[in-house]
Protein backbone atom coordinates (compact mmCIF):
# COMPACT_ATOMS: atom_id res chain seq x y z
CA MET A 1 -85.25 -75.07 -25.96
CA SER A 2 -81.78 -74.17 -27.22
CA VAL A 3 -79.71 -71.34 -25.85
CA GLU A 4 -80.15 -69.40 -29.07
CA ALA A 5 -83.91 -69.87 -29.00
CA MET A 6 -84.17 -68.67 -25.43
CA ALA A 7 -82.26 -65.52 -26.27
CA GLN A 8 -84.33 -64.67 -29.35
CA PRO A 9 -87.36 -62.35 -29.14
CA THR A 10 -90.69 -63.37 -30.58
CA ALA A 11 -91.26 -62.71 -34.25
CA THR A 12 -93.60 -59.84 -33.56
CA ALA A 13 -91.13 -58.14 -31.22
CA VAL A 14 -88.22 -57.92 -33.65
CA ALA A 15 -87.41 -54.40 -34.72
CA ALA A 16 -86.37 -54.42 -38.35
CA PRO A 17 -82.84 -53.07 -38.73
CA LEU A 18 -82.61 -49.80 -40.56
CA PRO A 19 -80.41 -49.63 -43.66
CA ALA A 20 -76.85 -48.57 -42.91
CA ALA A 21 -76.99 -46.15 -45.83
CA ALA A 22 -79.81 -44.15 -44.29
CA PRO A 23 -78.10 -41.93 -41.69
CA PHE A 24 -81.15 -39.72 -41.30
CA GLY A 25 -83.45 -42.60 -40.41
CA SER A 26 -80.95 -44.48 -38.26
CA ILE A 27 -79.10 -41.61 -36.55
CA VAL A 28 -80.58 -38.15 -37.00
CA LEU A 29 -84.25 -39.03 -36.58
CA PRO A 30 -83.86 -40.99 -33.30
CA LEU A 31 -81.71 -38.23 -31.85
CA LEU A 32 -84.20 -35.54 -32.87
CA ILE A 33 -86.97 -37.55 -31.22
CA ALA A 34 -84.87 -37.88 -28.07
CA LEU A 35 -84.14 -34.14 -28.03
CA ALA A 36 -87.86 -33.44 -28.43
CA LEU A 37 -88.51 -35.61 -25.39
CA ALA A 38 -85.87 -33.66 -23.47
CA MET A 39 -87.34 -30.30 -24.52
CA PHE A 40 -91.11 -30.67 -24.28
CA GLY A 41 -91.37 -31.07 -20.51
CA PRO A 42 -89.47 -27.92 -19.47
CA VAL A 43 -91.10 -25.83 -22.23
CA LEU A 44 -94.71 -26.98 -21.78
CA ASN A 45 -94.44 -26.79 -18.00
CA VAL A 46 -94.43 -23.00 -18.42
CA VAL A 47 -97.97 -23.22 -19.80
CA SER A 48 -99.17 -25.81 -17.31
CA PRO A 49 -97.42 -28.48 -15.22
CA LEU A 50 -100.27 -30.87 -16.03
CA LEU A 51 -99.77 -30.27 -19.75
CA GLY A 52 -96.03 -30.82 -19.42
CA LEU A 53 -96.53 -34.06 -17.49
CA ALA A 54 -99.17 -35.33 -19.91
CA VAL A 55 -97.16 -34.65 -23.08
CA GLN A 56 -93.95 -35.98 -21.55
CA THR A 57 -95.71 -39.17 -20.45
CA LEU A 58 -97.41 -39.78 -23.80
CA LEU A 59 -94.27 -39.11 -25.82
CA ALA A 60 -92.09 -41.35 -23.63
CA LEU A 61 -94.64 -44.17 -23.84
CA ALA A 62 -94.92 -43.76 -27.61
CA ILE A 63 -91.14 -44.00 -28.01
CA ALA A 64 -90.95 -47.03 -25.72
CA ILE A 65 -93.68 -48.84 -27.69
CA ALA A 66 -92.93 -47.74 -31.27
CA LEU A 67 -89.11 -47.54 -31.07
CA PRO A 68 -88.19 -50.05 -28.34
CA SER A 69 -84.68 -50.72 -29.63
CA TYR A 70 -83.76 -47.04 -29.18
CA GLY A 71 -84.77 -46.91 -25.51
CA PRO A 72 -81.24 -46.78 -23.99
CA VAL A 73 -80.03 -44.14 -26.46
CA VAL A 74 -83.10 -41.96 -25.91
CA ALA A 75 -82.58 -42.21 -22.14
CA ILE A 76 -78.94 -41.14 -22.50
CA VAL A 77 -79.85 -38.11 -24.62
CA VAL A 78 -82.57 -37.00 -22.20
CA LEU A 79 -80.25 -37.31 -19.20
CA LEU A 80 -77.38 -35.43 -20.85
CA PHE A 81 -79.23 -32.62 -22.60
CA GLN A 82 -82.48 -31.87 -20.77
CA ASN A 83 -80.92 -29.40 -18.32
CA VAL A 84 -79.81 -27.09 -21.12
CA PHE A 85 -83.49 -26.63 -21.97
CA VAL A 86 -84.21 -26.05 -18.28
CA SER A 87 -81.56 -23.31 -18.32
CA ILE A 88 -82.97 -21.75 -21.50
CA CYS A 89 -86.44 -21.64 -19.92
CA SER A 90 -85.19 -20.35 -16.54
CA PRO A 91 -86.26 -16.69 -17.07
CA LEU A 92 -89.85 -17.94 -17.32
CA TYR A 93 -89.55 -19.31 -13.77
CA ALA A 94 -88.08 -16.20 -12.15
CA SER A 95 -91.27 -15.65 -10.14
CA ASP A 96 -91.11 -19.20 -8.73
CA PRO A 97 -87.53 -20.54 -8.74
CA SER A 98 -88.59 -23.67 -6.86
CA GLN A 99 -90.13 -24.89 -10.13
CA LEU A 100 -86.63 -25.42 -11.55
CA GLU A 101 -86.05 -28.44 -9.31
CA PHE A 102 -89.42 -29.84 -10.37
CA ILE A 103 -88.80 -29.58 -14.11
CA LYS A 104 -85.38 -31.17 -13.72
CA GLY A 105 -87.31 -34.29 -12.78
CA TYR A 106 -88.80 -34.67 -16.26
CA ASN A 107 -85.77 -36.67 -17.42
CA PHE A 108 -86.32 -39.08 -14.54
CA LEU A 109 -89.98 -39.45 -15.53
CA SER A 110 -88.96 -40.21 -19.11
CA CYS A 111 -86.43 -42.84 -18.05
CA VAL A 112 -88.90 -44.47 -15.66
CA LEU A 113 -91.50 -44.78 -18.42
CA LEU A 114 -88.99 -46.17 -20.93
CA TRP A 115 -87.92 -48.71 -18.31
CA LEU A 116 -91.45 -49.52 -17.20
CA VAL A 117 -92.67 -50.50 -20.67
CA ASN A 118 -89.72 -52.86 -21.11
CA PHE A 119 -90.07 -54.29 -17.60
CA VAL A 120 -93.80 -54.95 -17.98
CA SER A 121 -93.27 -56.61 -21.37
CA TYR A 122 -90.55 -58.80 -19.82
CA LEU A 123 -92.69 -60.19 -16.98
CA PRO A 124 -95.06 -62.44 -18.99
CA ARG A 125 -92.21 -63.87 -21.09
CA ARG A 126 -89.57 -64.17 -18.36
CA ARG A 127 -89.85 -67.98 -18.22
CA GLN A 128 -88.86 -68.16 -21.88
CA CYS A 129 -85.85 -65.90 -21.37
CA HIS A 130 -82.33 -67.11 -20.77
CA PRO A 131 -81.64 -68.13 -17.14
CA LEU A 132 -78.75 -65.67 -16.90
CA LEU A 133 -81.02 -62.82 -17.95
CA ARG A 134 -83.55 -63.85 -15.32
CA ARG A 135 -80.89 -63.96 -12.61
CA TRP A 136 -79.60 -60.47 -13.33
CA MET A 137 -83.11 -59.10 -13.61
CA LEU A 138 -84.02 -60.70 -10.28
CA ALA A 139 -80.90 -59.40 -8.56
CA SER A 140 -81.38 -55.85 -9.82
CA THR A 141 -85.09 -55.94 -8.97
CA VAL A 142 -84.22 -56.89 -5.38
CA VAL A 143 -82.02 -53.78 -5.27
CA LEU A 144 -84.91 -51.67 -6.58
CA VAL A 145 -87.28 -53.08 -3.98
CA ALA A 146 -84.82 -52.30 -1.17
CA ILE A 147 -84.46 -48.73 -2.41
CA GLY A 148 -88.24 -48.42 -2.57
CA PHE A 149 -88.57 -49.60 1.02
CA TYR A 150 -86.18 -46.93 2.28
CA LEU A 151 -87.96 -44.37 0.11
CA MET A 152 -91.16 -44.98 2.09
CA ILE A 153 -89.26 -44.42 5.34
CA GLY A 154 -87.64 -41.24 4.02
CA VAL A 155 -90.90 -39.79 2.71
CA LEU A 156 -92.24 -39.72 6.26
CA GLN A 157 -89.39 -37.37 7.26
CA ASP A 158 -88.56 -35.22 4.23
CA PRO A 159 -90.59 -36.01 1.09
CA LYS A 160 -88.69 -33.63 -1.19
CA ALA A 161 -85.22 -34.86 -0.20
CA ALA A 162 -86.43 -38.47 -0.37
CA ALA A 163 -87.68 -37.94 -3.94
CA ILE A 164 -84.39 -36.33 -4.99
CA TYR A 165 -82.32 -39.20 -3.60
CA LEU A 166 -84.68 -41.76 -5.11
CA ARG A 167 -83.98 -40.25 -8.50
CA ASN A 168 -80.23 -40.29 -7.99
CA ILE A 169 -79.90 -43.74 -6.43
CA VAL A 170 -82.40 -45.73 -8.47
CA LEU A 171 -81.69 -44.32 -11.94
CA PRO A 172 -78.48 -46.30 -12.68
CA PHE A 173 -80.28 -49.58 -11.96
CA LEU A 174 -83.22 -48.60 -14.16
CA LEU A 175 -80.78 -47.83 -16.97
CA PHE A 176 -79.10 -51.19 -16.44
CA GLN A 177 -82.38 -53.09 -16.74
CA LEU A 178 -83.50 -51.00 -19.72
CA ALA A 179 -80.24 -51.66 -21.57
CA LEU A 180 -80.12 -55.34 -20.57
CA LEU A 181 -83.66 -56.06 -21.71
CA THR A 182 -83.25 -54.10 -24.94
CA ALA A 183 -79.91 -55.63 -25.89
CA SER A 184 -81.08 -59.16 -25.10
CA ARG A 185 -84.05 -58.80 -27.50
CA TYR A 186 -82.75 -56.68 -30.38
CA ARG A 187 -79.59 -56.48 -32.41
CA LEU A 188 -78.60 -52.88 -31.86
CA ARG A 189 -76.45 -50.45 -33.79
CA VAL A 190 -75.77 -47.99 -31.01
CA THR A 191 -72.18 -47.15 -31.96
CA PRO A 192 -73.04 -44.51 -34.61
CA LEU A 193 -75.63 -42.99 -32.28
CA LEU A 194 -73.31 -42.83 -29.27
CA VAL A 195 -70.47 -41.41 -31.38
CA THR A 196 -72.81 -38.67 -32.62
CA ILE A 197 -73.93 -37.92 -29.06
CA ALA A 198 -70.30 -37.83 -27.96
CA VAL A 199 -69.35 -35.32 -30.67
CA VAL A 200 -72.23 -33.00 -29.71
CA PHE A 201 -71.62 -33.37 -25.97
CA ILE A 202 -67.88 -32.74 -26.21
CA GLY A 203 -68.44 -29.98 -28.76
CA CYS A 204 -70.70 -28.15 -26.29
CA GLY A 205 -67.89 -28.29 -23.75
CA PHE A 206 -65.33 -26.78 -26.11
CA PHE A 207 -67.80 -24.09 -27.15
CA GLU A 208 -68.43 -23.19 -23.50
CA PHE A 209 -64.67 -23.05 -22.84
CA ALA A 210 -63.88 -20.88 -25.86
CA PHE A 211 -66.98 -18.64 -25.80
CA ARG A 212 -68.13 -18.57 -22.19
CA GLU A 213 -70.23 -15.41 -22.41
CA THR A 214 -71.87 -16.51 -25.64
CA TRP A 215 -72.72 -19.87 -24.09
CA LEU A 216 -74.22 -18.15 -21.05
CA ALA A 217 -76.24 -15.88 -23.31
CA LEU A 218 -77.53 -18.70 -25.52
CA THR A 219 -78.57 -20.81 -22.54
CA ASN A 220 -79.76 -17.94 -20.29
CA GLY A 221 -77.06 -19.16 -17.96
CA ARG A 222 -76.80 -16.06 -15.80
CA THR A 223 -80.48 -16.19 -14.96
CA TYR A 224 -80.33 -19.91 -14.29
CA TRP A 225 -77.36 -19.65 -11.95
CA TYR A 226 -78.86 -16.68 -10.11
CA LEU A 227 -82.07 -18.60 -9.45
CA ASP A 228 -80.09 -21.73 -8.58
CA GLY A 229 -78.03 -19.83 -6.00
CA LEU A 230 -80.93 -18.18 -4.16
CA LYS A 231 -81.20 -21.02 -1.65
CA ALA A 232 -77.49 -20.86 -0.82
CA MET A 233 -77.68 -17.07 -0.63
CA ASP A 234 -80.56 -17.20 1.85
CA ALA A 235 -78.64 -19.73 3.95
CA GLY A 236 -75.62 -17.41 4.10
CA VAL A 237 -73.30 -19.82 2.28
CA TRP A 238 -71.52 -17.10 0.29
CA GLU A 239 -71.06 -14.98 3.40
CA LYS A 240 -69.54 -17.91 5.29
CA GLN A 241 -67.24 -18.63 2.37
CA MET A 242 -66.14 -14.98 2.24
CA ARG A 243 -65.29 -14.98 5.95
CA ALA A 244 -63.46 -18.29 5.73
CA THR A 245 -61.40 -17.56 2.61
CA GLY A 246 -61.35 -13.78 2.35
CA SER A 247 -62.49 -13.99 -1.27
CA VAL A 248 -65.50 -12.01 -2.40
CA MET A 249 -67.65 -13.08 -5.35
CA VAL A 250 -68.20 -10.06 -7.57
CA ASP A 251 -69.40 -11.81 -10.71
CA LEU A 252 -70.95 -15.14 -11.64
CA LEU A 253 -67.62 -16.33 -13.02
CA ASP A 254 -66.14 -16.02 -9.54
CA ARG A 255 -68.54 -18.76 -8.52
CA PHE A 256 -67.13 -20.96 -11.28
CA ARG A 257 -63.49 -20.36 -10.33
CA VAL A 258 -61.79 -23.26 -8.49
CA SER A 259 -58.29 -24.53 -7.88
CA PHE A 260 -56.98 -26.66 -10.71
CA PHE A 261 -58.22 -30.18 -9.94
CA ASN A 262 -59.35 -28.76 -6.60
CA THR A 263 -55.91 -29.12 -5.03
CA PRO A 264 -53.20 -26.63 -4.03
CA LEU A 265 -50.46 -29.16 -4.85
CA LEU A 266 -50.29 -27.97 -8.47
CA GLU A 267 -49.82 -24.29 -7.64
CA PRO A 268 -45.98 -24.49 -7.72
CA LEU A 269 -46.34 -25.50 -11.38
CA GLY A 270 -48.26 -22.33 -12.11
CA LEU A 271 -51.57 -24.17 -12.29
CA THR A 272 -53.69 -22.13 -9.92
CA THR A 273 -57.34 -21.56 -10.76
CA VAL A 274 -59.63 -22.48 -13.64
CA LEU A 275 -63.22 -21.76 -14.62
CA ARG A 276 -65.23 -24.92 -14.34
CA LEU A 277 -67.12 -26.27 -17.34
CA PHE A 278 -70.74 -27.31 -16.83
CA GLY A 279 -71.73 -28.54 -20.28
CA PRO A 280 -75.27 -29.13 -21.55
CA ASN A 281 -76.24 -30.96 -18.35
CA ILE A 282 -75.29 -27.84 -16.30
CA SER A 283 -73.26 -29.73 -13.69
CA ALA A 284 -69.47 -29.60 -13.51
CA VAL A 285 -68.73 -33.01 -12.00
CA SER A 286 -71.49 -34.79 -13.94
CA PHE A 287 -70.30 -33.21 -17.17
CA ALA A 288 -66.73 -34.38 -16.52
CA TYR A 289 -67.92 -37.95 -15.93
CA GLY A 290 -69.95 -37.79 -19.14
CA VAL A 291 -66.89 -36.62 -21.06
CA GLY A 292 -64.83 -39.38 -19.44
CA PHE A 293 -67.40 -42.00 -20.43
CA PHE A 294 -67.31 -40.89 -24.05
CA VAL A 295 -63.50 -40.78 -24.07
CA LEU A 296 -63.50 -44.44 -23.05
CA PHE A 297 -66.24 -45.34 -25.51
CA LEU A 298 -64.53 -43.58 -28.40
CA THR A 299 -61.28 -45.34 -27.52
CA ALA A 300 -63.06 -48.70 -27.37
CA THR A 301 -64.52 -48.16 -30.85
CA GLY A 302 -61.28 -46.95 -32.38
CA ARG A 303 -62.13 -43.24 -32.74
CA TYR A 304 -58.79 -42.18 -31.31
CA LEU A 305 -58.69 -38.59 -32.55
CA LEU A 306 -62.13 -37.89 -31.10
CA ALA A 307 -61.08 -39.62 -27.89
CA LEU A 308 -57.96 -37.45 -27.72
CA ALA A 309 -60.05 -34.31 -28.13
CA GLY A 310 -62.36 -35.53 -25.39
CA PHE A 311 -59.39 -36.20 -23.11
CA ALA A 312 -58.14 -32.65 -23.62
CA LEU A 313 -61.58 -31.37 -22.60
CA LEU A 314 -61.53 -33.68 -19.59
CA ILE A 315 -58.33 -31.98 -18.40
CA LEU A 316 -60.03 -28.60 -18.77
CA CYS A 317 -62.96 -29.89 -16.68
CA SER A 318 -60.55 -30.20 -13.73
CA VAL A 319 -62.41 -33.05 -11.98
CA LYS A 320 -60.10 -35.62 -10.37
CA GLY A 321 -62.62 -38.47 -10.11
CA ALA A 322 -63.52 -38.46 -13.81
CA LEU A 323 -59.86 -38.23 -14.88
CA LEU A 324 -58.95 -41.08 -12.54
CA MET A 325 -61.74 -43.19 -14.06
CA VAL A 326 -60.39 -42.74 -17.58
CA LEU A 327 -56.76 -43.37 -16.64
CA PHE A 328 -57.62 -46.42 -14.56
CA VAL A 329 -59.67 -48.06 -17.31
CA LEU A 330 -57.06 -47.39 -20.00
CA VAL A 331 -54.24 -48.72 -17.82
CA ALA A 332 -56.32 -51.77 -16.89
CA GLN A 333 -57.03 -52.59 -20.52
CA ALA A 334 -53.38 -52.13 -21.51
CA ALA A 335 -52.23 -54.31 -18.61
CA THR A 336 -54.74 -57.01 -19.59
CA ARG A 337 -53.15 -57.24 -23.00
CA LEU A 338 -49.63 -57.34 -21.55
CA ILE A 339 -49.86 -59.61 -18.49
CA GLY A 340 -53.26 -61.29 -18.81
CA PRO A 341 -56.67 -60.65 -17.26
CA VAL A 342 -56.35 -62.55 -13.96
CA LEU A 343 -53.08 -60.99 -12.81
CA THR A 344 -54.28 -57.57 -13.97
CA LEU A 345 -57.49 -57.81 -11.98
CA ALA A 346 -55.68 -58.97 -8.84
CA LEU A 347 -53.13 -56.16 -9.03
CA LEU A 348 -55.74 -53.51 -9.77
CA LEU A 349 -57.99 -54.59 -6.91
CA MET A 350 -55.05 -54.38 -4.51
CA MET A 351 -54.16 -50.99 -5.93
CA LEU A 352 -57.70 -49.71 -5.38
CA VAL A 353 -57.69 -50.92 -1.77
CA VAL A 354 -54.35 -49.22 -1.11
CA TYR A 355 -55.51 -46.05 -2.85
CA ALA A 356 -58.70 -45.86 -0.79
CA ALA A 357 -56.79 -46.49 2.45
CA VAL A 358 -54.18 -43.81 1.67
CA VAL A 359 -56.83 -41.23 0.77
CA ILE A 360 -58.78 -41.93 3.97
CA VAL A 361 -55.73 -41.72 6.24
CA SER A 362 -54.31 -38.61 4.59
CA GLY A 363 -57.77 -37.04 4.35
CA LEU A 364 -58.35 -37.41 8.07
CA LYS A 365 -55.02 -35.70 8.76
CA MET A 366 -55.75 -32.86 6.34
CA GLY A 367 -59.41 -32.47 7.28
CA ASP A 368 -60.60 -33.28 3.76
CA TYR A 369 -64.35 -32.69 3.45
CA HIS A 370 -64.97 -35.85 1.45
CA VAL A 371 -63.25 -38.11 3.97
CA ILE A 372 -64.97 -36.32 6.86
CA GLY A 373 -68.30 -36.89 5.11
CA LEU A 374 -67.47 -40.58 4.63
CA MET A 375 -66.62 -40.93 8.32
CA GLY A 376 -69.90 -39.26 9.20
CA GLY A 377 -71.72 -41.90 7.19
CA VAL A 378 -69.78 -44.74 8.80
CA ASN A 379 -70.44 -43.35 12.29
CA GLY A 380 -74.12 -42.95 11.45
CA PHE A 381 -74.24 -46.55 10.22
CA LEU A 382 -72.68 -47.83 13.44
CA GLN A 383 -75.20 -45.82 15.48
CA GLN A 384 -78.20 -46.99 13.44
CA PRO A 385 -77.32 -50.05 11.32
CA PHE A 386 -80.82 -50.35 9.82
CA GLY A 387 -80.69 -46.89 8.23
CA ARG A 388 -82.84 -43.76 8.41
CA GLY A 389 -84.54 -43.54 5.01
CA LEU A 390 -83.73 -41.86 1.70
CA GLY A 391 -83.14 -38.11 1.90
CA VAL A 392 -81.91 -38.09 5.51
CA GLY A 393 -78.42 -36.64 5.18
CA GLY A 394 -76.44 -36.03 2.02
CA ASN A 395 -75.44 -33.03 -0.08
CA LEU A 396 -78.94 -32.70 -1.51
CA GLY A 397 -80.71 -32.76 1.83
CA GLY A 398 -81.92 -29.72 3.70
CA ASP A 399 -79.08 -29.62 6.25
CA PHE A 400 -76.10 -29.37 3.89
CA ASN A 401 -75.82 -25.57 3.87
CA SER A 402 -75.87 -25.40 7.68
CA ILE A 403 -72.85 -27.66 8.26
CA ASP A 404 -70.04 -26.25 10.38
CA TRP A 405 -67.13 -27.68 8.42
CA GLU A 406 -64.49 -26.16 10.68
CA ALA A 407 -65.92 -28.00 13.68
CA ALA A 408 -66.23 -31.18 11.61
CA GLN A 409 -62.54 -30.98 10.70
CA HIS A 410 -61.61 -30.87 14.39
CA LEU A 411 -63.85 -33.87 15.12
CA GLY A 412 -62.69 -35.87 12.07
CA ALA A 413 -66.30 -36.49 11.06
CA VAL A 414 -69.51 -34.62 10.36
CA GLN A 415 -72.89 -35.12 11.95
CA GLY A 416 -74.62 -36.96 9.16
CA ALA A 417 -73.22 -38.10 5.84
CA PHE A 418 -72.07 -35.72 3.10
CA GLU A 419 -69.67 -35.56 0.14
CA SER A 420 -69.48 -39.37 -0.03
CA ALA A 421 -71.94 -41.56 -1.92
CA VAL A 422 -70.97 -44.66 0.04
CA GLY A 423 -71.23 -42.75 3.31
CA VAL A 424 -74.66 -41.41 2.35
CA LEU A 425 -75.90 -44.88 1.36
CA LEU A 426 -74.72 -46.34 4.67
CA TYR A 427 -76.34 -43.48 6.58
CA GLN A 428 -79.65 -43.65 4.72
CA MET A 429 -80.02 -47.38 4.01
CA GLY A 430 -77.87 -48.94 6.73
CA ALA A 431 -76.81 -52.52 6.06
CA ALA A 432 -79.15 -52.59 3.05
CA ALA A 433 -76.65 -50.30 1.29
CA LEU A 434 -74.64 -53.46 0.67
CA LEU A 435 -77.29 -54.53 -1.84
CA PRO A 436 -76.69 -51.82 -4.48
CA LEU A 437 -72.95 -51.72 -3.76
CA GLY A 438 -72.62 -55.51 -3.84
CA PHE A 439 -74.69 -55.74 -7.00
CA CYS A 440 -72.39 -53.30 -8.80
CA LEU A 441 -69.32 -55.21 -7.66
CA ALA A 442 -70.77 -58.54 -8.77
CA LEU A 443 -71.80 -57.07 -12.12
CA ALA A 444 -68.32 -55.64 -12.69
CA LEU A 445 -66.75 -59.05 -12.05
CA ALA A 446 -69.27 -60.77 -14.35
CA ILE A 447 -68.53 -58.33 -17.17
CA TRP A 448 -64.82 -58.76 -16.48
CA LYS A 449 -65.21 -62.51 -17.13
CA LEU A 450 -66.73 -61.68 -20.49
CA TYR A 451 -63.83 -59.35 -21.24
CA ALA A 452 -61.23 -61.89 -20.12
CA ARG A 453 -62.53 -64.35 -22.71
CA SER A 454 -63.36 -62.04 -25.62
CA GLY A 455 -61.00 -59.09 -25.34
CA LEU A 456 -63.73 -56.67 -26.43
CA ARG A 457 -62.83 -53.27 -25.07
CA ALA A 458 -66.43 -52.19 -24.50
CA GLN A 459 -66.69 -55.00 -21.96
CA GLY A 460 -63.42 -54.02 -20.32
CA MET A 461 -64.58 -50.41 -20.20
CA ALA A 462 -67.78 -51.39 -18.36
CA ALA A 463 -66.08 -53.78 -15.94
CA PHE A 464 -63.16 -51.60 -14.89
CA GLY A 465 -65.28 -48.46 -15.10
CA ILE A 466 -67.74 -49.75 -12.52
CA LEU A 467 -64.91 -50.78 -10.18
CA ILE A 468 -63.22 -47.37 -10.17
CA ILE A 469 -66.54 -45.52 -9.87
CA LEU A 470 -67.36 -47.58 -6.76
CA VAL A 471 -64.06 -46.46 -5.21
CA ASN A 472 -64.65 -42.87 -6.29
CA GLY A 473 -68.01 -43.14 -4.54
CA LEU A 474 -66.16 -43.27 -1.22
CA PHE A 475 -65.07 -39.68 -1.70
CA GLN A 476 -67.64 -38.18 -4.04
CA GLU A 477 -71.44 -38.15 -4.10
CA GLU A 478 -71.64 -37.60 -7.84
CA ALA A 479 -69.74 -40.81 -8.61
CA LEU A 480 -72.71 -43.01 -7.70
CA PHE A 481 -75.57 -40.51 -7.76
CA SER A 482 -74.88 -38.72 -11.03
CA PRO A 483 -76.40 -40.34 -14.15
CA PRO A 484 -73.36 -39.60 -16.38
CA ALA A 485 -71.14 -41.49 -13.90
CA LEU A 486 -72.50 -44.78 -12.59
CA GLY A 487 -75.65 -44.42 -14.70
CA LEU A 488 -73.90 -44.46 -18.08
CA MET A 489 -71.49 -47.20 -16.96
CA LEU A 490 -74.31 -49.49 -15.80
CA CYS A 491 -76.12 -48.75 -19.06
CA MET A 492 -73.04 -49.88 -20.98
CA ALA A 493 -72.83 -52.97 -18.75
CA GLY A 494 -76.44 -53.78 -19.61
CA LEU A 495 -75.71 -53.44 -23.33
CA VAL A 496 -72.67 -55.71 -23.37
CA LEU A 497 -74.21 -58.26 -21.02
CA GLY A 498 -77.49 -58.30 -22.93
CA HIS A 499 -75.75 -58.95 -26.22
CA ALA A 500 -73.56 -61.64 -24.72
CA ILE A 501 -76.71 -63.37 -23.47
CA ARG A 502 -78.47 -62.93 -26.80
CA ASP A 503 -75.66 -64.31 -28.89
CA ALA A 504 -74.64 -66.97 -26.36
CA THR A 505 -70.94 -66.60 -27.13
CA CYS A 506 -69.40 -66.21 -23.67
CA ASP A 507 -69.31 -68.45 -20.61
CA LEU A 508 -69.74 -66.48 -17.40
CA GLY A 509 -69.66 -69.62 -15.28
CA ALA A 510 -66.14 -70.71 -16.16
CA ALA A 511 -63.10 -69.09 -14.60
CA ALA A 512 -60.96 -67.01 -16.91
CA THR A 513 -57.77 -68.77 -17.94
CA GLY A 514 -55.93 -65.64 -18.98
CA PRO A 515 -55.30 -66.14 -22.70
CA GLN A 516 -53.54 -63.34 -24.45
CA ILE A 517 -56.13 -60.79 -25.55
CA ALA A 518 -56.29 -60.09 -29.26
CA ALA A 519 -56.91 -56.57 -30.50
CA ALA A 520 -60.59 -55.73 -30.67
CA GLY A 521 -60.32 -52.48 -32.62
CA ARG A 522 -63.73 -51.31 -33.75
CA ASP A 523 -65.33 -54.74 -33.29
CA GLN A 524 -68.04 -53.94 -30.79
CA HIS A 525 -70.49 -56.82 -30.50
CA PHE A 526 -73.43 -54.48 -30.03
CA ASP A 527 -72.94 -53.35 -33.63
CA ASP A 528 -74.65 -55.49 -36.32
CA SER A 529 -71.90 -54.99 -38.86
CA ASN A 530 -69.33 -56.62 -36.58
CA LEU A 531 -71.34 -59.48 -35.08
CA SER A 532 -70.13 -62.15 -37.49
CA ARG A 533 -66.48 -61.22 -36.98
CA TYR A 534 -66.96 -61.13 -33.22
CA GLU A 535 -68.65 -64.55 -33.12
CA ALA A 536 -65.98 -66.11 -35.32
CA ALA A 537 -63.18 -64.62 -33.21
CA VAL A 538 -64.68 -65.85 -29.94
CA GLN A 539 -65.31 -69.33 -31.33
CA MET A 540 -61.72 -69.52 -32.56
CA ARG A 541 -60.30 -68.34 -29.21
CA SER A 542 -62.52 -70.79 -27.34
CA ALA A 543 -61.40 -73.69 -29.51
CA VAL A 544 -57.69 -72.87 -29.26
CA ALA A 545 -57.10 -71.34 -25.84
CA GLU A 546 -60.03 -72.01 -23.54
CA PRO A 547 -61.44 -75.16 -21.95
CA PRO A 548 -65.03 -76.14 -22.69
CA GLY A 549 -67.57 -74.69 -20.27
CA ARG A 550 -71.27 -74.33 -19.64
CA PRO A 551 -72.85 -72.27 -22.46
CA LEU A 552 -74.90 -69.20 -21.66
């Protein structure tokens, strides 16, 4: 069987492409369906949790079966916008605020069902699929199995915390498999859909910034944040903060007020405090990573004015990790064009190592919470190398609000692992944490090889984006555990890798030779309208500048 035949779906599985001149059918309708999936669970749960679960399950299964090529886009919409419906419905849960955490899990249920249908349909035909697809599916499935094993251990100790960390750790890998399987079977036109999502997502951020009170009123934000803060209030978190800083929270907006980019180093420039933006996913750091992802995507597809607007919003978000991600990827892509892919990768990897080392050393001297949390995870790993189970330790566990950070600063570490995704993984999964971390690193390098040969900026975005997010994960839980961070980047990696496998145009097995990268512009190979130009360009570059290698 030829490479092309292995990568093609069966005749009955092909989704007929929608006409480009039908924006309602190809853009608006899928997004409305995705928004309905995001809305029904939180709304119907008010009537009955069983009704909410039943409708959410049936709708997700129907989308996965009837509209399989839209699976990744639907998952992205649900992850980014469901929490705004949770916030709108929050007054209905005032008598039982614990229900809020439950209904936030509807987006995870939807993504699991979208993934499950694709995974089950892949199993009987896996022998007919391309070997490279099978290898990446096997590798990612091993990661999922390892996470599942530590879930069973964690459930025995704290079922609720174990379930929360399962959702956060496993979701990026489910998105990767969903995108990989979808892109390897169908020719997708996701660019118009993702651009539309980006405009709405970024627009919500600007609206919140310009009309904060109106945004809070429309989303019932004050009720949501009051109910969300009850647990911290009962634990005395605000009282401890008042005694430590001398600041008293009088209004909800005081809770949103933070130092610009969370550092006092900018105060001499007059940049003191800002009100954080939470966006439609109602999470400041996650929202910033989502904005950063769309800035990179819009840049990769040539929508520079939209990307510039998104970058301005990213500055207003005041989240260092997300800003660093965007700057790193843009610099990496520019350097690739100037000095070649191999030298760029080598220099950037060295830079990341130096950056991580400097932050750790300086953080230990300054008593930085993130570095202290990382050291707690490393110490916990050394004490118990086989791990403790999901949910044991971490910001989302039950012990976070009781931490004595002042004592931890004196010790240079905290008892447990907090504020660091890598530290939490080491603490919870032990040596097995190397499986998800190593998988992400290997995937980034594989996508980088694609980028080194094709010059397509979507591939460079995924490769360099995963690398910097892994480093950010040393000092931030949200970098690896927030769907808009690692989740969206692994989803993009699945899309570009799946299409490369389907079209059999790139050679992952051969080492990159570092040809000068030609401008990719809007030519994204996951867009039907640009496939012929992309294939012709790659064939020409391969014939002129690259040695023959093993085909995909």
